[in-house]
Amino acid sequence: MRLIIDSTSKLVELNGVPARIWEGQTDSGIPVHCFVTRVAVHKDEDSVQFDRELQQHAAPSADVAAYPLRLLID
């Protein structure tokens, strides 16, 4: 499976860990919400451009904006 996702400005807490909600879709067009707690670049790669792009966030859709700030997932 392949996901195409965009960062949003919505942050939530999952079991005590901050997570940013990313929105997107699968290659076949199925809408998804991803709760991302960490993103890393290999230590040997130049991450300057990545870091710059990671700071860009879109406004969340109404569906994402409705998520409570604190989520409990088991």
PDB file of N, CA and C in Angstrom:
ATOM      1  N   MET A   1       0.843  -1.175   0.000  1.00  0.00           N
ATOM      2  CA  MET A   1       0.000   0.000   0.000  1.00  0.00           C
ATOM      3  C   MET A   1       0.883   1.231   0.000  1.00  0.00           C
ATOM      4  N   ARG A   2       0.416   2.234  -0.699  1.00  0.00           N
ATOM      5  CA  ARG A   2       1.131   3.499  -0.755  1.00  0.00           C
ATOM      6  C   ARG A   2       0.184   4.605  -0.301  1.00  0.00           C
ATOM      7  N   LEU A   3       0.686   5.500   0.561  1.00  0.00           N
ATOM      8  CA  LEU A   3      -0.095   6.634   1.047  1.00  0.00           C
ATOM      9  C   LEU A   3       0.533   7.927   0.546  1.00  0.00           C
ATOM     10  N   ILE A   4      -0.296   8.858   0.197  1.00  0.00           N
ATOM     11  CA  ILE A   4       0.136  10.205  -0.144  1.00  0.00           C
ATOM     12  C   ILE A   4      -0.505  11.102   0.910  1.00  0.00           C
ATOM     13  N   ILE A   5       0.322  11.698   1.794  1.00  0.00           N
ATOM     14  CA  ILE A   5      -0.227  12.440   2.930  1.00  0.00           C
ATOM     15  C   ILE A   5       0.380  13.839   3.014  1.00  0.00           C
ATOM     16  N   ASP A   6      -0.401  14.749   3.595  1.00  0.00           N
ATOM     17  CA  ASP A   6       0.033  16.124   3.820  1.00  0.00           C
ATOM     18  C   ASP A   6      -0.121  16.447   5.298  1.00  0.00           C
ATOM     19  N   SER A   7       0.863  17.147   5.827  1.00  0.00           N
ATOM     20  CA  SER A   7       0.850  17.552   7.227  1.00  0.00           C
ATOM     21  C   SER A   7      -0.224  18.605   7.463  1.00  0.00           C
ATOM     22  N   THR A   8      -0.912  18.493   8.598  1.00  0.00           N
ATOM     23  CA  THR A   8      -1.858  19.537   8.998  1.00  0.00           C
ATOM     24  C   THR A   8      -1.344  20.205  10.271  1.00  0.00           C
ATOM     25  N   SER A   9      -1.982  21.264  10.647  1.00  0.00           N
ATOM     26  CA  SER A   9      -1.582  21.980  11.866  1.00  0.00           C
ATOM     27  C   SER A   9      -2.188  21.361  13.124  1.00  0.00           C
ATOM     28  N   LYS A  10      -2.990  20.309  12.979  1.00  0.00           N
ATOM     29  CA  LYS A  10      -3.688  19.690  14.115  1.00  0.00           C
ATOM     30  C   LYS A  10      -2.754  18.759  14.879  1.00  0.00           C
ATOM     31  N   LEU A  11      -2.608  19.032  16.178  1.00  0.00           N
ATOM     32  CA  LEU A  11      -1.828  18.180  17.076  1.00  0.00           C
ATOM     33  C   LEU A  11      -2.762  17.551  18.092  1.00  0.00           C
ATOM     34  N   VAL A  12      -2.517  16.278  18.404  1.00  0.00           N
ATOM     35  CA  VAL A  12      -3.262  15.574  19.441  1.00  0.00           C
ATOM     36  C   VAL A  12      -2.262  14.828  20.313  1.00  0.00           C
ATOM     37  N   GLU A  13      -2.762  14.253  21.388  1.00  0.00           N
ATOM     38  CA  GLU A  13      -1.926  13.449  22.270  1.00  0.00           C
ATOM     39  C   GLU A  13      -2.446  12.021  22.238  1.00  0.00           C
ATOM     40  N   LEU A  14      -1.556  11.081  21.934  1.00  0.00           N
ATOM     41  CA  LEU A  14      -1.901   9.658  21.908  1.00  0.00           C
ATOM     42  C   LEU A  14      -1.161   8.956  23.025  1.00  0.00           C
ATOM     43  N   ASN A  15      -1.885   8.542  24.046  1.00  0.00           N
ATOM     44  CA  ASN A  15      -1.258   7.846  25.179  1.00  0.00           C
ATOM     45  C   ASN A  15      -0.040   8.596  25.707  1.00  0.00           C
ATOM     46  N   GLY A  16      -0.169   9.905  25.840  1.00  0.00           N
ATOM     47  CA  GLY A  16       0.901  10.716  26.401  1.00  0.00           C
ATOM     48  C   GLY A  16       1.955  11.174  25.421  1.00  0.00           C
ATOM     49  N   VAL A  17       1.818  10.837  24.146  1.00  0.00           N
ATOM     50  CA  VAL A  17       2.801  11.201  23.131  1.00  0.00           C
ATOM     51  C   VAL A  17       2.157  12.172  22.140  1.00  0.00           C
ATOM     52  N   PRO A  18       2.795  13.317  21.861  1.00  0.00           N
ATOM     53  CA  PRO A  18       2.231  14.230  20.881  1.00  0.00           C
ATOM     54  C   PRO A  18       2.263  13.621  19.473  1.00  0.00           C
ATOM     55  N   ALA A  19       1.202  13.859  18.724  1.00  0.00           N
ATOM     56  CA  ALA A  19       1.118  13.351  17.346  1.00  0.00           C
ATOM     57  C   ALA A  19       0.504  14.425  16.464  1.00  0.00           C
ATOM     58  N   ARG A  20       1.058  14.596  15.283  1.00  0.00           N
ATOM     59  CA  ARG A  20       0.489  15.507  14.298  1.00  0.00           C
ATOM     60  C   ARG A  20      -0.389  14.677  13.364  1.00  0.00           C
ATOM     61  N   ILE A  21      -1.555  15.219  13.020  1.00  0.00           N
ATOM     62  CA  ILE A  21      -2.436  14.505  12.096  1.00  0.00           C
ATOM     63  C   ILE A  21      -2.092  14.918  10.669  1.00  0.00           C
ATOM     64  N   TRP A  22      -1.864  13.920   9.849  1.00  0.00           N
ATOM     65  CA  TRP A  22      -1.615  14.116   8.423  1.00  0.00           C
ATOM     66  C   TRP A  22      -2.832  13.567   7.690  1.00  0.00           C
ATOM     67  N   GLU A  23      -3.222  14.217   6.603  1.00  0.00           N
ATOM     68  CA  GLU A  23      -4.367  13.780   5.798  1.00  0.00           C
ATOM     69  C   GLU A  23      -3.899  13.399   4.406  1.00  0.00           C
ATOM     70  N   GLY A  24      -4.602  12.445   3.828  1.00  0.00           N
ATOM     71  CA  GLY A  24      -4.238  12.077   2.469  1.00  0.00           C
ATOM     72  C   GLY A  24      -5.122  10.979   1.934  1.00  0.00           C
ATOM     73  N   GLN A  25      -4.520  10.174   1.060  1.00  0.00           N
ATOM     74  CA  GLN A  25      -5.262   9.084   0.446  1.00  0.00           C
ATOM     75  C   GLN A  25      -4.294   7.999  -0.021  1.00  0.00           C
ATOM     76  N   THR A  26      -4.870   6.831  -0.257  1.00  0.00           N
ATOM     77  CA  THR A  26      -4.088   5.739  -0.824  1.00  0.00           C
ATOM     78  C   THR A  26      -3.971   5.969  -2.329  1.00  0.00           C
ATOM     79  N   ASP A  27      -3.141   5.193  -2.989  1.00  0.00           N
ATOM     80  CA  ASP A  27      -3.029   5.284  -4.445  1.00  0.00           C
ATOM     81  C   ASP A  27      -4.369   5.070  -5.134  1.00  0.00           C
ATOM     82  N   SER A  28      -5.235   4.291  -4.505  1.00  0.00           N
ATOM     83  CA  SER A  28      -6.540   4.013  -5.119  1.00  0.00           C
ATOM     84  C   SER A  28      -7.599   5.049  -4.731  1.00  0.00           C
ATOM     85  N   GLY A  29      -7.206   6.066  -3.949  1.00  0.00           N
ATOM     86  CA  GLY A  29      -8.118   7.158  -3.646  1.00  0.00           C
ATOM     87  C   GLY A  29      -8.891   7.067  -2.346  1.00  0.00           C
ATOM     88  N   ILE A  30      -8.580   6.099  -1.499  1.00  0.00           N
ATOM     89  CA  ILE A  30      -9.273   5.959  -0.215  1.00  0.00           C
ATOM     90  C   ILE A  30      -8.731   7.014   0.756  1.00  0.00           C
ATOM     91  N   PRO A  31      -9.590   7.890   1.310  1.00  0.00           N
ATOM     92  CA  PRO A  31      -9.123   8.922   2.236  1.00  0.00           C
ATOM     93  C   PRO A  31      -8.589   8.310   3.539  1.00  0.00           C
ATOM     94  N   VAL A  32      -7.514   8.890   4.071  1.00  0.00           N
ATOM     95  CA  VAL A  32      -6.922   8.411   5.321  1.00  0.00           C
ATOM     96  C   VAL A  32      -6.520   9.585   6.207  1.00  0.00           C
ATOM     97  N   HIS A  33      -6.458   9.323   7.511  1.00  0.00           N
ATOM     98  CA  HIS A  33      -5.874  10.223   8.496  1.00  0.00           C
ATOM     99  C   HIS A  33      -4.755   9.444   9.164  1.00  0.00           C
ATOM    100  N   CYS A  34      -3.579  10.043   9.284  1.00  0.00           N
ATOM    101  CA  CYS A  34      -2.436   9.394   9.915  1.00  0.00           C
ATOM    102  C   CYS A  34      -2.031  10.201  11.143  1.00  0.00           C
ATOM    103  N   PHE A  35      -1.755   9.508  12.229  1.00  0.00           N
ATOM    104  CA  PHE A  35      -1.327  10.138  13.469  1.00  0.00           C
ATOM    105  C   PHE A  35       0.168   9.895  13.606  1.00  0.00           C
ATOM    106  N   VAL A  36       0.974  10.886  13.250  1.00  0.00           N
ATOM    107  CA  VAL A  36       2.421  10.719  13.148  1.00  0.00           C
ATOM    108  C   VAL A  36       3.089  11.267  14.406  1.00  0.00           C
ATOM    109  N   THR A  37       3.830  10.393  15.074  1.00  0.00           N
ATOM    110  CA  THR A  37       4.542  10.806  16.280  1.00  0.00           C
ATOM    111  C   THR A  37       6.016  11.096  16.018  1.00  0.00           C
ATOM    112  N   ARG A  38       6.569  10.507  14.971  1.00  0.00           N
ATOM    113  CA  ARG A  38       7.981  10.719  14.663  1.00  0.00           C
ATOM    114  C   ARG A  38       8.222  10.574  13.167  1.00  0.00           C
ATOM    115  N   VAL A  39       9.145  11.382  12.669  1.00  0.00           N
ATOM    116  CA  VAL A  39       9.607  11.280  11.284  1.00  0.00           C
ATOM    117  C   VAL A  39      11.112  11.456  11.333  1.00  0.00           C
ATOM    118  N   ALA A  40      11.850  10.622  10.630  1.00  0.00           N
ATOM    119  CA  ALA A  40      13.305  10.704  10.679  1.00  0.00           C
ATOM    120  C   ALA A  40      13.905  10.627   9.286  1.00  0.00           C
ATOM    121  N   VAL A  41      15.064  11.246   9.158  1.00  0.00           N
ATOM    122  CA  VAL A  41      15.877  11.172   7.950  1.00  0.00           C
ATOM    123  C   VAL A  41      17.141  10.414   8.338  1.00  0.00           C
ATOM    124  N   HIS A  42      17.605   9.544   7.456  1.00  0.00           N
ATOM    125  CA  HIS A  42      18.825   8.789   7.752  1.00  0.00           C
ATOM    126  C   HIS A  42      19.951   9.742   8.133  1.00  0.00           C
ATOM    127  N   LYS A  43      20.732   9.372   9.111  1.00  0.00           N
ATOM    128  CA  LYS A  43      21.762  10.252   9.670  1.00  0.00           C
ATOM    129  C   LYS A  43      22.803  10.700   8.649  1.00  0.00           C
ATOM    130  N   ASP A  44      22.987   9.959   7.571  1.00  0.00           N
ATOM    131  CA  ASP A  44      23.979  10.330   6.558  1.00  0.00           C
ATOM    132  C   ASP A  44      23.420  11.262   5.487  1.00  0.00           C
ATOM    133  N   GLU A  45      22.124  11.526   5.527  1.00  0.00           N
ATOM    134  CA  GLU A  45      21.486  12.390   4.533  1.00  0.00           C
ATOM    135  C   GLU A  45      21.474  13.843   5.003  1.00  0.00           C
ATOM    136  N   ASP A  46      21.532  14.764   4.063  1.00  0.00           N
ATOM    137  CA  ASP A  46      21.399  16.185   4.366  1.00  0.00           C
ATOM    138  C   ASP A  46      19.915  16.471   4.567  1.00  0.00           C
ATOM    139  N   SER A  47      19.543  16.892   5.763  1.00  0.00           N
ATOM    140  CA  SER A  47      18.127  17.041   6.088  1.00  0.00           C
ATOM    141  C   SER A  47      17.650  18.495   6.099  1.00  0.00           C
ATOM    142  N   VAL A  48      18.451  19.424   5.599  1.00  0.00           N
ATOM    143  CA  VAL A  48      18.083  20.839   5.649  1.00  0.00           C
ATOM    144  C   VAL A  48      16.769  21.098   4.920  1.00  0.00           C
ATOM    145  N   GLN A  49      16.640  20.646   3.692  1.00  0.00           N
ATOM    146  CA  GLN A  49      15.412  20.854   2.933  1.00  0.00           C
ATOM    147  C   GLN A  49      14.245  20.106   3.580  1.00  0.00           C
ATOM    148  N   PHE A  50      14.488  18.889   4.040  1.00  0.00           N
ATOM    149  CA  PHE A  50      13.451  18.112   4.719  1.00  0.00           C
ATOM    150  C   PHE A  50      12.932  18.868   5.945  1.00  0.00           C
ATOM    151  N   ASP A  51      13.840  19.382   6.760  1.00  0.00           N
ATOM    152  CA  ASP A  51      13.450  20.121   7.960  1.00  0.00           C
ATOM    153  C   ASP A  51      12.611  21.348   7.599  1.00  0.00           C
ATOM    154  N   ARG A  52      12.982  22.023   6.531  1.00  0.00           N
ATOM    155  CA  ARG A  52      12.238  23.203   6.077  1.00  0.00           C
ATOM    156  C   ARG A  52      10.816  22.803   5.667  1.00  0.00           C
ATOM    157  N   GLU A  53      10.704  21.740   4.887  1.00  0.00           N
ATOM    158  CA  GLU A  53       9.392  21.287   4.419  1.00  0.00           C
ATOM    159  C   GLU A  53       8.543  20.744   5.566  1.00  0.00           C
ATOM    160  N   LEU A  54       9.168  20.138   6.550  1.00  0.00           N
ATOM    161  CA  LEU A  54       8.440  19.565   7.676  1.00  0.00           C
ATOM    162  C   LEU A  54       7.740  20.644   8.507  1.00  0.00           C
ATOM    163  N   GLN A  55       8.193  21.876   8.417  1.00  0.00           N
ATOM    164  CA  GLN A  55       7.583  22.980   9.164  1.00  0.00           C
ATOM    165  C   GLN A  55       6.319  23.528   8.489  1.00  0.00           C
ATOM    166  N   GLN A  56       6.024  23.065   7.271  1.00  0.00           N
ATOM    167  CA  GLN A  56       4.848  23.542   6.539  1.00  0.00           C
ATOM    168  C   GLN A  56       3.645  22.676   6.892  1.00  0.00           C
ATOM    169  N   HIS A  57       2.537  23.331   7.274  1.00  0.00           N
ATOM    170  CA  HIS A  57       1.331  22.610   7.673  1.00  0.00           C
ATOM    171  C   HIS A  57       0.105  23.252   7.042  1.00  0.00           C
ATOM    172  N   ALA A  58      -0.773  22.437   6.505  1.00  0.00           N
ATOM    173  CA  ALA A  58      -2.042  22.919   5.967  1.00  0.00           C
ATOM    174  C   ALA A  58      -3.070  22.982   7.089  1.00  0.00           C
ATOM    175  N   ALA A  59      -4.105  23.771   6.882  1.00  0.00           N
ATOM    176  CA  ALA A  59      -5.217  23.775   7.834  1.00  0.00           C
ATOM    177  C   ALA A  59      -5.911  22.420   7.749  1.00  0.00           C
ATOM    178  N   PRO A  60      -6.328  21.851   8.868  1.00  0.00           N
ATOM    179  CA  PRO A  60      -6.984  20.541   8.832  1.00  0.00           C
ATOM    180  C   PRO A  60      -8.391  20.644   8.242  1.00  0.00           C
ATOM    181  N   SER A  61      -8.838  19.555   7.647  1.00  0.00           N
ATOM    182  CA  SER A  61     -10.221  19.481   7.177  1.00  0.00           C
ATOM    183  C   SER A  61     -11.149  19.474   8.389  1.00  0.00           C
ATOM    184  N   ALA A  62     -12.433  19.627   8.146  1.00  0.00           N
ATOM    185  CA  ALA A  62     -13.413  19.603   9.238  1.00  0.00           C
ATOM    186  C   ALA A  62     -13.368  18.275   9.984  1.00  0.00           C
ATOM    187  N   ASP A  63     -13.174  17.159   9.256  1.00  0.00           N
ATOM    188  CA  ASP A  63     -13.101  15.843   9.905  1.00  0.00           C
ATOM    189  C   ASP A  63     -11.927  15.766  10.870  1.00  0.00           C
ATOM    190  N   VAL A  64     -10.776  16.257  10.461  1.00  0.00           N
ATOM    191  CA  VAL A  64      -9.587  16.207  11.311  1.00  0.00           C
ATOM    192  C   VAL A  64      -9.700  17.208  12.457  1.00  0.00           C
ATOM    193  N   ALA A  65     -10.228  18.375  12.193  1.00  0.00           N
ATOM    194  CA  ALA A  65     -10.375  19.390  13.237  1.00  0.00           C
ATOM    195  C   ALA A  65     -11.266  18.891  14.369  1.00  0.00           C
ATOM    196  N   ALA A  66     -12.158  17.951  14.077  1.00  0.00           N
ATOM    197  CA  ALA A  66     -13.094  17.438  15.082  1.00  0.00           C
ATOM    198  C   ALA A  66     -12.460  16.436  16.047  1.00  0.00           C
ATOM    199  N   TYR A  67     -11.263  15.927  15.739  1.00  0.00           N
ATOM    200  CA  TYR A  67     -10.621  14.990  16.666  1.00  0.00           C
ATOM    201  C   TYR A  67     -10.336  15.706  17.982  1.00  0.00           C
ATOM    202  N   PRO A  68     -10.591  15.050  19.118  1.00  0.00           N
ATOM    203  CA  PRO A  68     -10.268  15.676  20.403  1.00  0.00           C
ATOM    204  C   PRO A  68      -8.758  15.810  20.572  1.00  0.00           C
ATOM    205  N   LEU A  69      -8.324  16.787  21.343  1.00  0.00           N
ATOM    206  CA  LEU A  69      -6.900  17.003  21.533  1.00  0.00           C
ATOM    207  C   LEU A  69      -6.230  15.832  22.232  1.00  0.00           C
ATOM    208  N   ARG A  70      -6.989  15.087  23.020  1.00  0.00           N
ATOM    209  CA  ARG A  70      -6.405  13.938  23.713  1.00  0.00           C
ATOM    210  C   ARG A  70      -7.148  12.679  23.274  1.00  0.00           C
ATOM    211  N   LEU A  71      -6.415  11.738  22.710  1.00  0.00           N
ATOM    212  CA  LEU A  71      -6.978  10.468  22.258  1.00  0.00           C
ATOM    213  C   LEU A  71      -6.359   9.335  23.051  1.00  0.00           C
ATOM    214  N   LEU A  72      -7.133   8.341  23.356  1.00  0.00           N
ATOM    215  CA  LEU A  72      -6.614   7.142  23.995  1.00  0.00           C
ATOM    216  C   LEU A  72      -6.769   5.992  23.035  1.00  0.00           C
ATOM    217  N   ILE A  73      -5.670   5.388  22.647  1.00  0.00           N
ATOM    218  CA  ILE A  73      -5.702   4.265  21.716  1.00  0.00           C
ATOM    219  C   ILE A  73      -4.986   3.091  22.371  1.00  0.00           C
ATOM    220  N   ASP A  74      -5.646   1.970  22.421  1.00  0.00           N
ATOM    221  CA  ASP A  74      -5.032   0.773  23.013  1.00  0.00           C
ATOM    222  C   ASP A  74      -4.662  -0.219  21.947  1.00  0.00           C
TER     223      ASP A  74
END
